[in-house]
All heavy atoms as atom14 arrays in JSON, in Angstrom:
{
  "sequence": "DRALAARLWDEIAARGLLRGGGAEGAQVERMFSRKREILPFLLEHAR",
  "atom14_mask": [
    [1, 1, 1, 1, 1, 1, 1, 1, 0, 0, 0, 0, 0, 0],
    [1, 1, 1, 1, 1, 1, 1, 1, 1, 1, 1, 0, 0, 0],
    [1, 1, 1, 1, 1, 0, 0, 0, 0, 0, 0, 0, 0, 0],
    [1, 1, 1, 1, 1, 1, 1, 1, 0, 0, 0, 0, 0, 0],
    [1, 1, 1, 1, 1, 0, 0, 0, 0, 0, 0, 0, 0, 0],
    [1, 1, 1, 1, 1, 0, 0, 0, 0, 0, 0, 0, 0, 0],
    [1, 1, 1, 1, 1, 1, 1, 1, 1, 1, 1, 0, 0, 0],
    [1, 1, 1, 1, 1, 1, 1, 1, 0, 0, 0, 0, 0, 0],
    [1, 1, 1, 1, 1, 1, 1, 1, 1, 1, 1, 1, 1, 1],
    [1, 1, 1, 1, 1, 1, 1, 1, 0, 0, 0, 0, 0, 0],
    [1, 1, 1, 1, 1, 1, 1, 1, 1, 0, 0, 0, 0, 0],
    [1, 1, 1, 1, 1, 1, 1, 1, 0, 0, 0, 0, 0, 0],
    [1, 1, 1, 1, 1, 0, 0, 0, 0, 0, 0, 0, 0, 0],
    [1, 1, 1, 1, 1, 0, 0, 0, 0, 0, 0, 0, 0, 0],
    [1, 1, 1, 1, 1, 1, 1, 1, 1, 1, 1, 0, 0, 0],
    [1, 1, 1, 1, 0, 0, 0, 0, 0, 0, 0, 0, 0, 0],
    [1, 1, 1, 1, 1, 1, 1, 1, 0, 0, 0, 0, 0, 0],
    [1, 1, 1, 1, 1, 1, 1, 1, 0, 0, 0, 0, 0, 0],
    [1, 1, 1, 1, 1, 1, 1, 1, 1, 1, 1, 0, 0, 0],
    [1, 1, 1, 1, 0, 0, 0, 0, 0, 0, 0, 0, 0, 0],
    [1, 1, 1, 1, 0, 0, 0, 0, 0, 0, 0, 0, 0, 0],
    [1, 1, 1, 1, 0, 0, 0, 0, 0, 0, 0, 0, 0, 0],
    [1, 1, 1, 1, 1, 0, 0, 0, 0, 0, 0, 0, 0, 0],
    [1, 1, 1, 1, 1, 1, 1, 1, 1, 0, 0, 0, 0, 0],
    [1, 1, 1, 1, 0, 0, 0, 0, 0, 0, 0, 0, 0, 0],
    [1, 1, 1, 1, 1, 0, 0, 0, 0, 0, 0, 0, 0, 0],
    [1, 1, 1, 1, 1, 1, 1, 1, 1, 0, 0, 0, 0, 0],
    [1, 1, 1, 1, 1, 1, 1, 0, 0, 0, 0, 0, 0, 0],
    [1, 1, 1, 1, 1, 1, 1, 1, 1, 0, 0, 0, 0, 0],
    [1, 1, 1, 1, 1, 1, 1, 1, 1, 1, 1, 0, 0, 0],
    [1, 1, 1, 1, 1, 1, 1, 1, 0, 0, 0, 0, 0, 0],
    [1, 1, 1, 1, 1, 1, 1, 1, 1, 1, 1, 0, 0, 0],
    [1, 1, 1, 1, 1, 1, 0, 0, 0, 0, 0, 0, 0, 0],
    [1, 1, 1, 1, 1, 1, 1, 1, 1, 1, 1, 0, 0, 0],
    [1, 1, 1, 1, 1, 1, 1, 1, 1, 0, 0, 0, 0, 0],
    [1, 1, 1, 1, 1, 1, 1, 1, 1, 1, 1, 0, 0, 0],
    [1, 1, 1, 1, 1, 1, 1, 1, 1, 0, 0, 0, 0, 0],
    [1, 1, 1, 1, 1, 1, 1, 1, 0, 0, 0, 0, 0, 0],
    [1, 1, 1, 1, 1, 1, 1, 1, 0, 0, 0, 0, 0, 0],
    [1, 1, 1, 1, 1, 1, 1, 0, 0, 0, 0, 0, 0, 0],
    [1, 1, 1, 1, 1, 1, 1, 1, 1, 1, 1, 0, 0, 0],
    [1, 1, 1, 1, 1, 1, 1, 1, 0, 0, 0, 0, 0, 0],
    [1, 1, 1, 1, 1, 1, 1, 1, 0, 0, 0, 0, 0, 0],
    [1, 1, 1, 1, 1, 1, 1, 1, 1, 0, 0, 0, 0, 0],
    [1, 1, 1, 1, 1, 1, 1, 1, 1, 1, 0, 0, 0, 0],
    [1, 1, 1, 1, 1, 0, 0, 0, 0, 0, 0, 0, 0, 0],
    [1, 1, 1, 1, 1, 1, 1, 1, 1, 1, 1, 0, 0, 0]
  ],
  "atom14_positions": [
    [[10.28, 17.15, -0.78], [9.69, 17.78, -1.97], [8.37, 17.04, -2.28], [8.34, 16.1, -3.04], [10.65, 17.69, -3.16], [10.22, 18.5, -4.33], [9.01, 18.83, -4.44], [11.09, 18.86, -5.2], [0.0, 0.0, 0.0], [0.0, 0.0, 0.0], [0.0, 0.0, 0.0], [0.0, 0.0, 0.0], [0.0, 0.0, 0.0], [0.0, 0.0, 0.0]],
    [[7.28, 17.56, -1.69], [6.01, 16.91, -1.89], [5.51, 16.98, -3.32], [4.92, 16.04, -3.85], [4.93, 17.49, -0.96], [3.56, 16.82, -1.07], [2.57, 17.42, -0.12], [2.48, 18.86, -0.23], [1.78, 19.49, -1.18], [1.14, 18.81, -2.09], [1.72, 20.81, -1.18], [0.0, 0.0, 0.0], [0.0, 0.0, 0.0], [0.0, 0.0, 0.0]],
    [[5.75, 18.1, -3.99], [5.34, 18.23, -5.39], [6.02, 17.21, -6.26], [5.41, 16.61, -7.15], [5.65, 19.65, -5.9], [0.0, 0.0, 0.0], [0.0, 0.0, 0.0], [0.0, 0.0, 0.0], [0.0, 0.0, 0.0], [0.0, 0.0, 0.0], [0.0, 0.0, 0.0], [0.0, 0.0, 0.0], [0.0, 0.0, 0.0], [0.0, 0.0, 0.0]],
    [[7.3, 16.95, -5.99], [8.02, 15.9, -6.72], [7.43, 14.54, -6.46], [7.25, 13.73, -7.37], [9.51, 15.93, -6.36], [10.36, 14.8, -6.93], [10.42, 14.9, -8.45], [11.77, 14.8, -6.33], [0.0, 0.0, 0.0], [0.0, 0.0, 0.0], [0.0, 0.0, 0.0], [0.0, 0.0, 0.0], [0.0, 0.0, 0.0], [0.0, 0.0, 0.0]],
    [[7.12, 14.28, -5.2], [6.51, 12.98, -4.83], [5.18, 12.79, -5.57], [4.92, 11.69, -6.06], [6.32, 12.91, -3.33], [0.0, 0.0, 0.0], [0.0, 0.0, 0.0], [0.0, 0.0, 0.0], [0.0, 0.0, 0.0], [0.0, 0.0, 0.0], [0.0, 0.0, 0.0], [0.0, 0.0, 0.0], [0.0, 0.0, 0.0], [0.0, 0.0, 0.0]],
    [[4.37, 13.84, -5.63], [3.11, 13.73, -6.35], [3.33, 13.47, -7.83], [2.62, 12.65, -8.44], [2.29, 15.01, -6.12], [0.0, 0.0, 0.0], [0.0, 0.0, 0.0], [0.0, 0.0, 0.0], [0.0, 0.0, 0.0], [0.0, 0.0, 0.0], [0.0, 0.0, 0.0], [0.0, 0.0, 0.0], [0.0, 0.0, 0.0], [0.0, 0.0, 0.0]],
    [[4.31, 14.16, -8.42], [4.6, 13.94, -9.85], [5.1, 12.52, -10.1], [4.76, 11.89, -11.09], [5.62, 14.94, -10.34], [5.11, 16.35, -10.45], [6.0, 17.22, -11.33], [7.38, 17.26, -10.85], [7.83, 18.12, -9.97], [7.01, 19.01, -9.41], [9.1, 18.13, -9.6], [0.0, 0.0, 0.0], [0.0, 0.0, 0.0], [0.0, 0.0, 0.0]],
    [[5.9, 11.99, -9.16], [6.39, 10.65, -9.3], [5.24, 9.65, -9.3], [5.18, 8.71, -10.12], [7.37, 10.34, -8.18], [8.17, 9.03, -8.25], [9.55, 9.19, -7.63], [7.43, 7.89, -7.53], [0.0, 0.0, 0.0], [0.0, 0.0, 0.0], [0.0, 0.0, 0.0], [0.0, 0.0, 0.0], [0.0, 0.0, 0.0], [0.0, 0.0, 0.0]],
    [[4.28, 9.85, -8.39], [3.12, 8.98, -8.35], [2.32, 9.08, -9.63], [1.85, 8.07, -10.16], [2.26, 9.35, -7.15], [2.6, 8.51, -5.94], [3.45, 8.83, -4.95], [2.08, 7.22, -5.62], [3.51, 7.8, -4.0], [2.67, 6.81, -4.42], [1.18, 6.36, -6.25], [2.41, 5.57, -3.84], [0.92, 5.14, -5.67], [1.51, 4.75, -4.48]],
    [[2.14, 10.3, -10.13], [1.39, 10.47, -11.38], [2.08, 9.76, -12.53], [1.45, 9.18, -13.4], [1.23, 11.94, -11.69], [0.28, 12.66, -10.75], [-0.53, 11.97, -10.1], [0.34, 13.91, -10.65], [0.0, 0.0, 0.0], [0.0, 0.0, 0.0], [0.0, 0.0, 0.0], [0.0, 0.0, 0.0], [0.0, 0.0, 0.0], [0.0, 0.0, 0.0]],
    [[3.42, 9.81, -12.53], [4.18, 9.17, -13.59], [4.09, 7.64, -13.52], [3.95, 6.98, -14.53], [5.66, 9.61, -13.53], [6.44, 9.18, -14.77], [7.82, 9.86, -14.86], [8.07, 10.81, -14.1], [8.61, 9.38, -15.69], [0.0, 0.0, 0.0], [0.0, 0.0, 0.0], [0.0, 0.0, 0.0], [0.0, 0.0, 0.0], [0.0, 0.0, 0.0]],
    [[4.13, 7.1, -12.29], [3.96, 5.64, -12.14], [2.63, 5.21, -12.7], [2.53, 4.21, -13.44], [4.08, 5.25, -10.66], [5.52, 5.43, -10.16], [3.61, 3.82, -10.42], [5.69, 5.23, -8.66], [0.0, 0.0, 0.0], [0.0, 0.0, 0.0], [0.0, 0.0, 0.0], [0.0, 0.0, 0.0], [0.0, 0.0, 0.0], [0.0, 0.0, 0.0]],
    [[1.58, 6.0, -12.4], [0.24, 5.65, -12.89], [0.13, 5.84, -14.41], [-0.4, 4.97, -15.12], [-0.81, 6.48, -12.2], [0.0, 0.0, 0.0], [0.0, 0.0, 0.0], [0.0, 0.0, 0.0], [0.0, 0.0, 0.0], [0.0, 0.0, 0.0], [0.0, 0.0, 0.0], [0.0, 0.0, 0.0], [0.0, 0.0, 0.0], [0.0, 0.0, 0.0]],
    [[0.63, 6.97, -14.92], [0.48, 7.3, -16.32], [1.23, 6.28, -17.2], [0.76, 5.9, -18.29], [0.97, 8.69, -16.61], [0.0, 0.0, 0.0], [0.0, 0.0, 0.0], [0.0, 0.0, 0.0], [0.0, 0.0, 0.0], [0.0, 0.0, 0.0], [0.0, 0.0, 0.0], [0.0, 0.0, 0.0], [0.0, 0.0, 0.0], [0.0, 0.0, 0.0]],
    [[2.4, 5.84, -16.74], [3.23, 4.92, -17.55], [2.88, 3.47, -17.29], [3.42, 2.57, -17.94], [4.7, 5.17, -17.26], [5.21, 6.5, -17.81], [6.58, 6.88, -17.29], [7.59, 5.83, -17.52], [8.84, 5.9, -17.13], [9.26, 6.96, -16.4], [9.68, 4.92, -17.4], [0.0, 0.0, 0.0], [0.0, 0.0, 0.0], [0.0, 0.0, 0.0]],
    [[1.98, 3.2, -16.34], [1.57, 1.83, -16.06], [2.71, 0.94, -15.58], [2.77, -0.22, -15.93], [0.0, 0.0, 0.0], [0.0, 0.0, 0.0], [0.0, 0.0, 0.0], [0.0, 0.0, 0.0], [0.0, 0.0, 0.0], [0.0, 0.0, 0.0], [0.0, 0.0, 0.0], [0.0, 0.0, 0.0], [0.0, 0.0, 0.0], [0.0, 0.0, 0.0]],
    [[3.61, 1.53, -14.77], [4.82, 0.79, -14.38], [4.53, -0.41, -13.52], [5.28, -1.39, -13.52], [5.78, 1.74, -13.64], [6.29, 2.95, -14.42], [7.33, 3.69, -13.62], [6.87, 2.51, -15.77], [0.0, 0.0, 0.0], [0.0, 0.0, 0.0], [0.0, 0.0, 0.0], [0.0, 0.0, 0.0], [0.0, 0.0, 0.0], [0.0, 0.0, 0.0]],
    [[3.45, -0.39, -12.76], [3.2, -1.46, -11.8], [1.81, -2.08, -11.96], [1.26, -2.6, -11.03], [3.35, -0.95, -10.36], [4.77, -0.46, -9.99], [4.74, 0.15, -8.6], [5.77, -1.59, -10.07], [0.0, 0.0, 0.0], [0.0, 0.0, 0.0], [0.0, 0.0, 0.0], [0.0, 0.0, 0.0], [0.0, 0.0, 0.0], [0.0, 0.0, 0.0]],
    [[1.27, -2.01, -13.16], [-0.06, -2.58, -13.37], [0.03, -4.1, -13.57], [0.99, -4.6, -14.14], [-0.75, -1.93, -14.56], [-1.22, -0.51, -14.25], [-1.98, 0.1, -15.39], [-2.31, 1.49, -15.08], [-2.73, 2.33, -15.96], [-2.89, 2.0, -17.22], [-3.04, 3.59, -15.62], [0.0, 0.0, 0.0], [0.0, 0.0, 0.0], [0.0, 0.0, 0.0]],
    [[-1.02, -4.77, -13.17], [-1.07, -6.21, -13.35], [-1.06, -6.9, -11.99], [-0.87, -6.31, -10.96], [0.0, 0.0, 0.0], [0.0, 0.0, 0.0], [0.0, 0.0, 0.0], [0.0, 0.0, 0.0], [0.0, 0.0, 0.0], [0.0, 0.0, 0.0], [0.0, 0.0, 0.0], [0.0, 0.0, 0.0], [0.0, 0.0, 0.0], [0.0, 0.0, 0.0]],
    [[-1.25, -8.2, -12.05], [-1.18, -9.03, -10.82], [-2.31, -8.75, -9.88], [-2.12, -8.84, -8.67], [0.0, 0.0, 0.0], [0.0, 0.0, 0.0], [0.0, 0.0, 0.0], [0.0, 0.0, 0.0], [0.0, 0.0, 0.0], [0.0, 0.0, 0.0], [0.0, 0.0, 0.0], [0.0, 0.0, 0.0], [0.0, 0.0, 0.0], [0.0, 0.0, 0.0]],
    [[-3.5, -8.41, -10.39], [-4.6, -8.06, -9.49], [-5.0, -9.14, -8.53], [-5.07, -8.95, -7.33], [0.0, 0.0, 0.0], [0.0, 0.0, 0.0], [0.0, 0.0, 0.0], [0.0, 0.0, 0.0], [0.0, 0.0, 0.0], [0.0, 0.0, 0.0], [0.0, 0.0, 0.0], [0.0, 0.0, 0.0], [0.0, 0.0, 0.0], [0.0, 0.0, 0.0]],
    [[-5.26, -10.35, -9.08], [-5.67, -11.46, -8.25], [-4.56, -11.85, -7.3], [-4.79, -12.16, -6.1], [-6.06, -12.67, -9.13], [0.0, 0.0, 0.0], [0.0, 0.0, 0.0], [0.0, 0.0, 0.0], [0.0, 0.0, 0.0], [0.0, 0.0, 0.0], [0.0, 0.0, 0.0], [0.0, 0.0, 0.0], [0.0, 0.0, 0.0], [0.0, 0.0, 0.0]],
    [[-3.31, -11.89, -7.8], [-2.19, -12.24, -6.95], [-2.0, -11.21, -5.85], [-1.62, -11.54, -4.72], [-0.92, -12.37, -7.79], [-0.92, -13.53, -8.77], [-1.62, -13.2, -10.07], [-2.16, -12.08, -10.18], [-1.64, -14.06, -10.97], [0.0, 0.0, 0.0], [0.0, 0.0, 0.0], [0.0, 0.0, 0.0], [0.0, 0.0, 0.0], [0.0, 0.0, 0.0]],
    [[-2.25, -9.93, -6.18], [-2.12, -8.88, -5.17], [-3.07, -9.09, -4.01], [-2.68, -8.91, -2.84], [0.0, 0.0, 0.0], [0.0, 0.0, 0.0], [0.0, 0.0, 0.0], [0.0, 0.0, 0.0], [0.0, 0.0, 0.0], [0.0, 0.0, 0.0], [0.0, 0.0, 0.0], [0.0, 0.0, 0.0], [0.0, 0.0, 0.0], [0.0, 0.0, 0.0]],
    [[-4.28, -9.52, -4.29], [-5.25, -9.79, -3.21], [-4.77, -10.96, -2.37], [-4.91, -10.96, -1.13], [-6.61, -10.11, -3.83], [0.0, 0.0, 0.0], [0.0, 0.0, 0.0], [0.0, 0.0, 0.0], [0.0, 0.0, 0.0], [0.0, 0.0, 0.0], [0.0, 0.0, 0.0], [0.0, 0.0, 0.0], [0.0, 0.0, 0.0], [0.0, 0.0, 0.0]],
    [[-4.16, -11.98, -2.99], [-3.64, -13.11, -2.22], [-2.53, -12.67, -1.3], [-2.45, -13.08, -0.14], [-3.12, -14.18, -3.18], [-4.19, -15.05, -3.81], [-3.57, -16.13, -4.65], [-2.9, -15.89, -5.63], [-3.79, -17.37, -4.25], [0.0, 0.0, 0.0], [0.0, 0.0, 0.0], [0.0, 0.0, 0.0], [0.0, 0.0, 0.0], [0.0, 0.0, 0.0]],
    [[-1.6, -11.87, -1.84], [-0.47, -11.39, -1.03], [-0.97, -10.61, 0.18], [-0.5, -10.82, 1.31], [0.46, -10.51, -1.91], [1.43, -9.75, -1.01], [1.23, -11.37, -2.9], [0.0, 0.0, 0.0], [0.0, 0.0, 0.0], [0.0, 0.0, 0.0], [0.0, 0.0, 0.0], [0.0, 0.0, 0.0], [0.0, 0.0, 0.0], [0.0, 0.0, 0.0]],
    [[-1.94, -9.73, -0.03], [-2.46, -8.96, 1.1], [-3.03, -9.83, 2.17], [-2.9, -9.57, 3.36], [-3.51, -7.96, 0.6], [-2.94, -6.68, 0.1], [-3.9, -5.54, 0.28], [-4.95, -5.6, -0.33], [-3.58, -4.63, 1.05], [0.0, 0.0, 0.0], [0.0, 0.0, 0.0], [0.0, 0.0, 0.0], [0.0, 0.0, 0.0], [0.0, 0.0, 0.0]],
    [[-3.71, -10.88, 1.8], [-4.29, -11.77, 2.8], [-3.2, -12.43, 3.64], [-3.36, -12.68, 4.8], [-5.17, -12.87, 2.11], [-6.51, -12.34, 1.64], [-7.46, -13.47, 1.31], [-7.03, -14.21, 0.16], [-7.36, -13.93, -1.09], [-8.12, -12.88, -1.35], [-6.94, -14.66, -2.08], [0.0, 0.0, 0.0], [0.0, 0.0, 0.0], [0.0, 0.0, 0.0]],
    [[-2.06, -12.68, 2.99], [-0.95, -13.33, 3.71], [-0.33, -12.4, 4.77], [0.26, -12.87, 5.71], [0.16, -13.75, 2.72], [-0.21, -14.94, 1.85], [-0.61, -16.43, 2.79], [-2.41, -16.48, 2.54], [0.0, 0.0, 0.0], [0.0, 0.0, 0.0], [0.0, 0.0, 0.0], [0.0, 0.0, 0.0], [0.0, 0.0, 0.0], [0.0, 0.0, 0.0]],
    [[-0.52, -11.07, 4.61], [0.07, -10.14, 5.58], [-0.44, -10.39, 6.98], [0.21, -10.08, 7.96], [-0.22, -8.71, 5.18], [0.6, -8.22, 3.99], [0.4, -6.97, 3.46], [1.57, -9.0, 3.42], [1.16, -6.5, 2.39], [2.34, -8.57, 2.34], [2.11, -7.31, 1.83], [0.0, 0.0, 0.0], [0.0, 0.0, 0.0], [0.0, 0.0, 0.0]],
    [[-1.63, -10.98, 7.1], [-2.23, -11.23, 8.43], [-2.29, -12.72, 8.73], [-2.94, -13.12, 9.7], [-3.64, -10.61, 8.49], [-4.48, -11.19, 7.5], [0.0, 0.0, 0.0], [0.0, 0.0, 0.0], [0.0, 0.0, 0.0], [0.0, 0.0, 0.0], [0.0, 0.0, 0.0], [0.0, 0.0, 0.0], [0.0, 0.0, 0.0], [0.0, 0.0, 0.0]],
    [[-1.62, -13.53, 7.94], [-1.63, -15.0, 8.18], [-0.17, -15.47, 8.24], [0.33, -16.16, 7.32], [-2.39, -15.72, 7.05], [-3.83, -15.3, 6.95], [-4.51, -16.0, 5.81], [-5.89, -15.54, 5.61], [-6.7, -15.98, 4.65], [-6.29, -16.89, 3.79], [-7.92, -15.51, 4.55], [0.0, 0.0, 0.0], [0.0, 0.0, 0.0], [0.0, 0.0, 0.0]],
    [[0.5, -15.16, 9.3], [1.95, -15.38, 9.41], [2.32, -16.83, 9.18], [3.33, -17.12, 8.56], [2.44, -14.91, 10.79], [2.08, -13.45, 11.11], [2.67, -12.46, 10.13], [2.4, -11.03, 10.55], [2.86, -10.03, 9.55], [0.0, 0.0, 0.0], [0.0, 0.0, 0.0], [0.0, 0.0, 0.0], [0.0, 0.0, 0.0], [0.0, 0.0, 0.0]],
    [[1.54, -17.77, 9.67], [1.92, -19.18, 9.6], [1.82, -19.7, 8.16], [2.39, -20.74, 7.84], [1.04, -20.02, 10.52], [1.24, -19.73, 11.99], [0.36, -20.59, 12.85], [0.53, -20.33, 14.27], [-0.15, -20.91, 15.24], [-1.06, -21.83, 14.92], [0.08, -20.59, 16.51], [0.0, 0.0, 0.0], [0.0, 0.0, 0.0], [0.0, 0.0, 0.0]],
    [[1.08, -19.03, 7.31], [0.87, -19.51, 5.95], [1.8, -18.85, 4.96], [1.78, -19.17, 3.77], [-0.58, -19.27, 5.53], [-1.61, -19.92, 6.43], [-3.05, -19.51, 6.06], [-3.29, -19.31, 4.87], [-3.9, -19.42, 6.97], [0.0, 0.0, 0.0], [0.0, 0.0, 0.0], [0.0, 0.0, 0.0], [0.0, 0.0, 0.0], [0.0, 0.0, 0.0]],
    [[2.65, -17.93, 5.41], [3.45, -17.14, 4.46], [4.44, -18.0, 3.68], [4.48, -17.95, 2.44], [4.2, -16.02, 5.22], [3.21, -14.97, 5.7], [5.25, -15.38, 4.33], [3.86, -13.89, 6.57], [0.0, 0.0, 0.0], [0.0, 0.0, 0.0], [0.0, 0.0, 0.0], [0.0, 0.0, 0.0], [0.0, 0.0, 0.0], [0.0, 0.0, 0.0]],
    [[5.26, -18.81, 4.36], [6.28, -19.57, 3.68], [5.7, -20.55, 2.67], [6.15, -20.58, 1.51], [7.21, -20.28, 4.67], [8.39, -21.02, 4.04], [9.24, -20.07, 3.23], [9.22, -21.71, 5.12], [0.0, 0.0, 0.0], [0.0, 0.0, 0.0], [0.0, 0.0, 0.0], [0.0, 0.0, 0.0], [0.0, 0.0, 0.0], [0.0, 0.0, 0.0]],
    [[4.7, -21.39, 3.02], [4.11, -22.25, 1.99], [3.57, -21.49, 0.8], [3.72, -21.92, -0.32], [2.97, -22.97, 2.77], [3.4, -22.9, 4.2], [4.11, -21.6, 4.34], [0.0, 0.0, 0.0], [0.0, 0.0, 0.0], [0.0, 0.0, 0.0], [0.0, 0.0, 0.0], [0.0, 0.0, 0.0], [0.0, 0.0, 0.0], [0.0, 0.0, 0.0]],
    [[2.95, -20.33, 1.08], [2.42, -19.51, -0.03], [3.53, -19.02, -0.94], [3.44, -19.12, -2.17], [1.65, -18.33, 0.56], [1.25, -17.28, -0.46], [0.16, -17.5, -1.3], [1.98, -16.1, -0.58], [-0.2, -16.52, -2.22], [1.6, -15.14, -1.5], [0.51, -15.35, -2.33], [0.0, 0.0, 0.0], [0.0, 0.0, 0.0], [0.0, 0.0, 0.0]],
    [[4.6, -18.5, -0.37], [5.7, -17.95, -1.18], [6.39, -19.06, -1.98], [6.7, -18.88, -3.15], [6.71, -17.24, -0.28], [6.21, -15.98, 0.43], [7.3, -15.35, 1.26], [5.69, -14.95, -0.59], [0.0, 0.0, 0.0], [0.0, 0.0, 0.0], [0.0, 0.0, 0.0], [0.0, 0.0, 0.0], [0.0, 0.0, 0.0], [0.0, 0.0, 0.0]],
    [[6.6, -20.2, -1.36], [7.27, -21.3, -2.06], [6.38, -21.86, -3.17], [6.87, -22.2, -4.26], [7.63, -22.41, -1.07], [8.7, -22.04, -0.03], [8.91, -23.18, 0.94], [10.02, -21.67, -0.73], [0.0, 0.0, 0.0], [0.0, 0.0, 0.0], [0.0, 0.0, 0.0], [0.0, 0.0, 0.0], [0.0, 0.0, 0.0], [0.0, 0.0, 0.0]],
    [[5.08, -21.9, -2.94], [4.15, -22.4, -3.94], [4.16, -21.54, -5.18], [4.04, -22.01, -6.3], [2.75, -22.46, -3.36], [1.7, -22.94, -4.34], [0.29, -22.85, -3.77], [0.15, -22.61, -2.55], [-0.67, -23.0, -4.54], [0.0, 0.0, 0.0], [0.0, 0.0, 0.0], [0.0, 0.0, 0.0], [0.0, 0.0, 0.0], [0.0, 0.0, 0.0]],
    [[4.31, -20.2, -4.99], [4.21, -19.26, -6.11], [5.59, -18.8, -6.6], [5.66, -17.88, -7.42], [3.38, -18.05, -5.73], [1.92, -18.4, -5.48], [1.48, -18.9, -4.28], [0.85, -18.31, -6.27], [0.18, -19.09, -4.34], [-0.24, -18.75, -5.53], [0.0, 0.0, 0.0], [0.0, 0.0, 0.0], [0.0, 0.0, 0.0], [0.0, 0.0, 0.0]],
    [[6.65, -19.42, -6.12], [7.98, -18.91, -6.42], [8.33, -18.99, -7.9], [9.16, -18.22, -8.38], [9.03, -19.69, -5.59], [0.0, 0.0, 0.0], [0.0, 0.0, 0.0], [0.0, 0.0, 0.0], [0.0, 0.0, 0.0], [0.0, 0.0, 0.0], [0.0, 0.0, 0.0], [0.0, 0.0, 0.0], [0.0, 0.0, 0.0], [0.0, 0.0, 0.0]],
    [[7.7, -19.88, -8.63], [8.07, -20.07, -10.03], [7.21, -19.23, -11.0], [7.46, -19.25, -12.18], [7.99, -21.55, -10.42], [8.99, -22.41, -9.67], [8.84, -23.87, -10.08], [9.76, -24.7, -9.39], [11.03, -24.93, -9.73], [11.5, -24.34, -10.82], [11.81, -25.7, -9.02], [0.0, 0.0, 0.0], [0.0, 0.0, 0.0], [0.0, 0.0, 0.0]]
  ]
}
């Protein structure tokens, strides 16, 4: 049901369900291509 999927996306955006964490989001994305640095990064930010 593509129409439902589109409405779900619109609702996520309209209700701001996942907003925030902009700077942290950029850090996480960088880790996707730095396999050796993942565990230290995750443990450092675990709290």
